[in-house]
Amino acid sequence: MTEPTPNRSTFYGTYFDRDSVLRLEKWSRILAWAILAMYLLQAAYDGGNSIYNAIASNSWLDMYFVFNTFSRPLQGALLFVVLQMVGKGLLILMDIEENTRRAIRK
């Protein structure tokens, strides 16, 4: 076996690499923000386009389209929450594993 790096635990019985889990957690949080921003920008663009078309054609807004357009940020918010929960869940599981290991040593 090779010597452990300073960032890696000296216990070789782990089923994961701590650094890769931390990278995954970081990227899940970044992806969550990117998805939320994308959904918000798409809803703003579609809503603005719908309002502009209604004004330009001097007609009423299609309320189903407006409802559908502004329900998209809700989908983005749900994906945001799920990805944030995944990231925090990974950190919680790593803490549980570390605390269990620490409790066994005592």
N, C-alpha and C. Protein backbone atom coordinates (compact mmCIF):
# COMPACT_ATOMS: atom_id res chain seq x y z
N MET A 1 0.84 -1.18 0.00
CA MET A 1 0.00 0.00 0.00
C MET A 1 0.88 1.24 0.00
N THR A 2 0.37 2.27 -0.60
CA THR A 2 1.12 3.52 -0.63
C THR A 2 0.78 4.34 0.61
N GLU A 3 1.63 5.29 0.88
CA GLU A 3 1.40 6.17 2.02
C GLU A 3 0.21 7.07 1.73
N PRO A 4 -0.62 7.35 2.74
CA PRO A 4 -1.77 8.23 2.51
C PRO A 4 -1.32 9.67 2.30
N THR A 5 -2.08 10.37 1.47
CA THR A 5 -1.82 11.79 1.29
C THR A 5 -2.34 12.54 2.51
N PRO A 6 -1.88 13.77 2.75
CA PRO A 6 -2.34 14.49 3.93
C PRO A 6 -3.84 14.72 3.97
N ASN A 7 -4.52 14.77 2.82
CA ASN A 7 -5.96 15.01 2.79
C ASN A 7 -6.76 13.73 2.99
N ARG A 8 -6.12 12.59 2.88
CA ARG A 8 -6.84 11.32 2.96
C ARG A 8 -6.68 10.70 4.34
N SER A 9 -7.69 10.04 4.79
CA SER A 9 -7.67 9.39 6.09
C SER A 9 -6.65 8.25 6.08
N THR A 10 -6.08 7.93 7.25
CA THR A 10 -5.13 6.83 7.33
C THR A 10 -5.82 5.49 7.45
N PHE A 11 -7.12 5.47 7.59
CA PHE A 11 -7.88 4.23 7.67
C PHE A 11 -8.20 3.77 6.26
N TYR A 12 -7.76 2.58 5.89
CA TYR A 12 -7.92 2.10 4.51
C TYR A 12 -9.21 1.32 4.28
N GLY A 13 -10.07 1.24 5.28
CA GLY A 13 -11.30 0.49 5.13
C GLY A 13 -12.46 1.30 4.61
N THR A 14 -12.23 2.50 4.12
CA THR A 14 -13.33 3.31 3.60
C THR A 14 -13.73 2.84 2.21
N TYR A 15 -14.96 3.08 1.88
CA TYR A 15 -15.49 2.68 0.58
C TYR A 15 -15.53 3.85 -0.39
N PHE A 16 -14.99 4.99 0.00
CA PHE A 16 -15.04 6.16 -0.84
C PHE A 16 -13.77 6.98 -0.67
N ASP A 17 -13.53 7.83 -1.63
CA ASP A 17 -12.43 8.78 -1.55
C ASP A 17 -13.00 10.11 -1.09
N ARG A 18 -12.52 10.63 0.01
CA ARG A 18 -13.07 11.85 0.60
C ARG A 18 -13.01 13.02 -0.37
N ASP A 19 -11.92 13.16 -1.08
CA ASP A 19 -11.76 14.28 -2.01
C ASP A 19 -12.77 14.22 -3.15
N SER A 20 -13.03 13.02 -3.66
CA SER A 20 -14.00 12.91 -4.76
C SER A 20 -15.42 13.19 -4.27
N VAL A 21 -15.74 12.80 -3.04
CA VAL A 21 -17.06 13.11 -2.50
C VAL A 21 -17.22 14.61 -2.31
N LEU A 22 -16.18 15.27 -1.84
CA LEU A 22 -16.24 16.72 -1.68
C LEU A 22 -16.36 17.43 -3.03
N ARG A 23 -15.69 16.92 -4.05
CA ARG A 23 -15.83 17.49 -5.40
C ARG A 23 -17.25 17.30 -5.92
N LEU A 24 -17.80 16.10 -5.70
CA LEU A 24 -19.17 15.83 -6.14
C LEU A 24 -20.15 16.75 -5.44
N GLU A 25 -19.95 16.97 -4.16
CA GLU A 25 -20.83 17.86 -3.39
C GLU A 25 -20.74 19.28 -3.93
N LYS A 26 -19.52 19.74 -4.22
CA LYS A 26 -19.34 21.09 -4.74
C LYS A 26 -20.01 21.26 -6.10
N TRP A 27 -19.83 20.27 -6.98
CA TRP A 27 -20.41 20.37 -8.31
C TRP A 27 -21.93 20.24 -8.29
N SER A 28 -22.47 19.49 -7.33
CA SER A 28 -23.94 19.40 -7.24
C SER A 28 -24.52 20.75 -6.83
N ARG A 29 -23.83 21.48 -5.93
CA ARG A 29 -24.31 22.81 -5.54
C ARG A 29 -24.17 23.80 -6.69
N ILE A 30 -23.08 23.74 -7.45
CA ILE A 30 -22.90 24.63 -8.60
C ILE A 30 -23.96 24.34 -9.66
N LEU A 31 -24.19 23.07 -9.94
CA LEU A 31 -25.20 22.68 -10.92
C LEU A 31 -26.59 23.12 -10.49
N ALA A 32 -26.88 23.05 -9.19
CA ALA A 32 -28.18 23.49 -8.68
C ALA A 32 -28.41 24.97 -8.99
N TRP A 33 -27.41 25.80 -8.75
CA TRP A 33 -27.55 27.23 -9.04
C TRP A 33 -27.67 27.48 -10.54
N ALA A 34 -26.93 26.75 -11.35
CA ALA A 34 -26.99 26.93 -12.80
C ALA A 34 -28.37 26.54 -13.33
N ILE A 35 -28.92 25.46 -12.84
CA ILE A 35 -30.25 25.03 -13.29
C ILE A 35 -31.31 26.04 -12.87
N LEU A 36 -31.23 26.54 -11.64
CA LEU A 36 -32.20 27.53 -11.18
C LEU A 36 -32.11 28.80 -12.04
N ALA A 37 -30.90 29.26 -12.32
CA ALA A 37 -30.74 30.46 -13.13
C ALA A 37 -31.28 30.24 -14.54
N MET A 38 -31.04 29.06 -15.11
CA MET A 38 -31.51 28.76 -16.45
C MET A 38 -33.04 28.76 -16.50
N TYR A 39 -33.69 28.16 -15.52
CA TYR A 39 -35.16 28.14 -15.49
C TYR A 39 -35.72 29.54 -15.31
N LEU A 40 -35.08 30.36 -14.46
CA LEU A 40 -35.57 31.72 -14.26
C LEU A 40 -35.41 32.57 -15.51
N LEU A 41 -34.26 32.44 -16.17
CA LEU A 41 -34.05 33.19 -17.41
C LEU A 41 -35.01 32.77 -18.50
N GLN A 42 -35.26 31.47 -18.60
CA GLN A 42 -36.20 30.99 -19.61
C GLN A 42 -37.61 31.50 -19.34
N ALA A 43 -38.03 31.50 -18.07
CA ALA A 43 -39.37 31.99 -17.73
C ALA A 43 -39.48 33.48 -17.99
N ALA A 44 -38.43 34.24 -17.66
CA ALA A 44 -38.46 35.68 -17.91
C ALA A 44 -38.52 35.97 -19.41
N TYR A 45 -37.76 35.25 -20.19
CA TYR A 45 -37.76 35.45 -21.65
C TYR A 45 -39.13 35.09 -22.25
N ASP A 46 -39.65 33.93 -21.88
CA ASP A 46 -40.95 33.50 -22.42
C ASP A 46 -42.07 34.43 -21.98
N GLY A 47 -42.03 34.87 -20.71
CA GLY A 47 -43.06 35.79 -20.23
C GLY A 47 -42.98 37.13 -20.92
N GLY A 48 -41.78 37.66 -21.08
CA GLY A 48 -41.62 38.91 -21.80
C GLY A 48 -42.04 38.81 -23.25
N ASN A 49 -41.72 37.70 -23.88
CA ASN A 49 -42.11 37.47 -25.27
C ASN A 49 -43.62 37.39 -25.40
N SER A 50 -44.28 36.74 -24.46
CA SER A 50 -45.73 36.62 -24.50
C SER A 50 -46.40 37.98 -24.31
N ILE A 51 -45.88 38.78 -23.38
CA ILE A 51 -46.45 40.11 -23.15
C ILE A 51 -46.23 41.00 -24.38
N TYR A 52 -45.04 40.93 -24.95
CA TYR A 52 -44.75 41.73 -26.15
C TYR A 52 -45.67 41.35 -27.30
N ASN A 53 -45.87 40.06 -27.52
CA ASN A 53 -46.75 39.61 -28.61
C ASN A 53 -48.19 40.04 -28.37
N ALA A 54 -48.64 40.02 -27.11
CA ALA A 54 -50.01 40.45 -26.81
C ALA A 54 -50.18 41.94 -27.08
N ILE A 55 -49.17 42.73 -26.72
CA ILE A 55 -49.24 44.18 -26.96
C ILE A 55 -49.14 44.47 -28.46
N ALA A 56 -48.23 43.79 -29.14
CA ALA A 56 -48.02 44.05 -30.57
C ALA A 56 -49.24 43.67 -31.40
N SER A 57 -49.92 42.59 -31.02
CA SER A 57 -51.09 42.16 -31.80
C SER A 57 -52.39 42.71 -31.23
N ASN A 58 -52.30 43.50 -30.14
CA ASN A 58 -53.48 44.12 -29.52
C ASN A 58 -54.52 43.06 -29.15
N SER A 59 -54.06 42.01 -28.48
CA SER A 59 -54.96 40.93 -28.07
C SER A 59 -54.71 40.61 -26.59
N TRP A 60 -55.53 39.72 -26.08
CA TRP A 60 -55.40 39.31 -24.68
C TRP A 60 -54.27 38.30 -24.52
N LEU A 61 -53.76 38.25 -23.31
CA LEU A 61 -52.76 37.23 -22.99
C LEU A 61 -53.44 35.87 -22.87
N ASP A 62 -52.78 34.85 -23.34
CA ASP A 62 -53.26 33.49 -23.16
C ASP A 62 -52.89 33.06 -21.74
N MET A 63 -53.87 32.98 -20.87
CA MET A 63 -53.61 32.73 -19.46
C MET A 63 -53.01 31.35 -19.20
N TYR A 64 -53.35 30.36 -20.00
CA TYR A 64 -52.74 29.06 -19.83
C TYR A 64 -51.23 29.14 -20.10
N PHE A 65 -50.85 29.87 -21.15
CA PHE A 65 -49.44 30.02 -21.47
C PHE A 65 -48.72 30.79 -20.36
N VAL A 66 -49.36 31.81 -19.82
CA VAL A 66 -48.76 32.58 -18.73
C VAL A 66 -48.57 31.69 -17.50
N PHE A 67 -49.59 30.91 -17.16
CA PHE A 67 -49.48 30.00 -16.02
C PHE A 67 -48.38 28.98 -16.24
N ASN A 68 -48.33 28.42 -17.45
CA ASN A 68 -47.32 27.43 -17.77
C ASN A 68 -45.92 28.04 -17.73
N THR A 69 -45.79 29.26 -18.23
CA THR A 69 -44.49 29.94 -18.24
C THR A 69 -43.99 30.21 -16.83
N PHE A 70 -44.86 30.69 -15.97
CA PHE A 70 -44.43 31.04 -14.62
C PHE A 70 -44.45 29.86 -13.65
N SER A 71 -44.87 28.68 -14.12
CA SER A 71 -44.72 27.48 -13.29
C SER A 71 -43.35 26.83 -13.50
N ARG A 72 -42.66 27.22 -14.56
CA ARG A 72 -41.33 26.66 -14.82
C ARG A 72 -40.31 27.00 -13.73
N PRO A 73 -40.32 28.23 -13.19
CA PRO A 73 -39.37 28.47 -12.08
C PRO A 73 -39.63 27.56 -10.88
N LEU A 74 -40.86 27.12 -10.70
CA LEU A 74 -41.15 26.17 -9.63
C LEU A 74 -40.44 24.84 -9.89
N GLN A 75 -40.42 24.40 -11.13
CA GLN A 75 -39.69 23.18 -11.48
C GLN A 75 -38.20 23.36 -11.22
N GLY A 76 -37.66 24.51 -11.61
CA GLY A 76 -36.26 24.80 -11.35
C GLY A 76 -35.95 24.87 -9.86
N ALA A 77 -36.88 25.43 -9.10
CA ALA A 77 -36.68 25.52 -7.65
C ALA A 77 -36.68 24.14 -7.01
N LEU A 78 -37.54 23.26 -7.49
CA LEU A 78 -37.56 21.90 -6.96
C LEU A 78 -36.27 21.15 -7.28
N LEU A 79 -35.78 21.30 -8.50
CA LEU A 79 -34.50 20.69 -8.85
C LEU A 79 -33.37 21.29 -8.02
N PHE A 80 -33.44 22.59 -7.78
CA PHE A 80 -32.44 23.27 -6.94
C PHE A 80 -32.43 22.66 -5.53
N VAL A 81 -33.60 22.49 -4.96
CA VAL A 81 -33.69 21.94 -3.60
C VAL A 81 -33.17 20.51 -3.56
N VAL A 82 -33.54 19.72 -4.56
CA VAL A 82 -33.09 18.32 -4.58
C VAL A 82 -31.56 18.24 -4.68
N LEU A 83 -30.98 19.03 -5.56
CA LEU A 83 -29.52 18.99 -5.71
C LEU A 83 -28.80 19.55 -4.48
N GLN A 84 -29.38 20.55 -3.84
CA GLN A 84 -28.79 21.05 -2.60
C GLN A 84 -28.88 19.99 -1.50
N MET A 85 -30.00 19.27 -1.45
CA MET A 85 -30.15 18.21 -0.46
C MET A 85 -29.16 17.07 -0.71
N VAL A 86 -28.90 16.76 -1.96
CA VAL A 86 -27.92 15.73 -2.29
C VAL A 86 -26.55 16.15 -1.78
N GLY A 87 -26.17 17.41 -2.04
CA GLY A 87 -24.88 17.90 -1.58
C GLY A 87 -24.75 17.88 -0.07
N LYS A 88 -25.76 18.38 0.61
CA LYS A 88 -25.72 18.39 2.08
C LYS A 88 -25.81 16.97 2.64
N GLY A 89 -26.55 16.10 1.98
CA GLY A 89 -26.64 14.71 2.43
C GLY A 89 -25.30 14.01 2.35
N LEU A 90 -24.53 14.29 1.30
CA LEU A 90 -23.18 13.71 1.21
C LEU A 90 -22.30 14.17 2.36
N LEU A 91 -22.40 15.46 2.70
CA LEU A 91 -21.60 15.96 3.83
C LEU A 91 -22.04 15.35 5.16
N ILE A 92 -23.35 15.18 5.32
CA ILE A 92 -23.86 14.56 6.55
C ILE A 92 -23.38 13.12 6.66
N LEU A 93 -23.45 12.37 5.57
CA LEU A 93 -22.99 10.99 5.60
C LEU A 93 -21.50 10.89 5.89
N MET A 94 -20.72 11.83 5.35
CA MET A 94 -19.28 11.83 5.66
C MET A 94 -19.04 12.14 7.13
N ASP A 95 -19.83 13.06 7.70
CA ASP A 95 -19.70 13.37 9.14
C ASP A 95 -20.08 12.18 10.00
N ILE A 96 -21.14 11.48 9.61
CA ILE A 96 -21.55 10.29 10.37
C ILE A 96 -20.45 9.24 10.35
N GLU A 97 -19.86 9.04 9.17
CA GLU A 97 -18.78 8.06 9.05
C GLU A 97 -17.58 8.47 9.90
N GLU A 98 -17.22 9.75 9.87
CA GLU A 98 -16.09 10.23 10.65
C GLU A 98 -16.36 10.13 12.15
N ASN A 99 -17.57 10.49 12.58
CA ASN A 99 -17.91 10.38 14.00
C ASN A 99 -17.94 8.94 14.47
N THR A 100 -18.42 8.04 13.62
CA THR A 100 -18.43 6.62 13.98
C THR A 100 -17.01 6.10 14.13
N ARG A 101 -16.14 6.47 13.24
CA ARG A 101 -14.75 6.06 13.31
C ARG A 101 -14.09 6.63 14.57
N ARG A 102 -14.38 7.87 14.88
CA ARG A 102 -13.81 8.51 16.06
C ARG A 102 -14.32 7.86 17.35
N ALA A 103 -15.59 7.47 17.36
CA ALA A 103 -16.17 6.83 18.55
C ALA A 103 -15.56 5.44 18.77
N ILE A 104 -15.23 4.74 17.71
CA ILE A 104 -14.65 3.41 17.84
C ILE A 104 -13.24 3.49 18.42
N ARG A 105 -12.51 4.55 18.07
CA ARG A 105 -11.14 4.69 18.57
C ARG A 105 -11.07 4.95 20.06
N LYS A 106 -12.11 5.50 20.63
CA LYS A 106 -12.09 5.84 22.07
C LYS A 106 -12.26 4.67 22.95
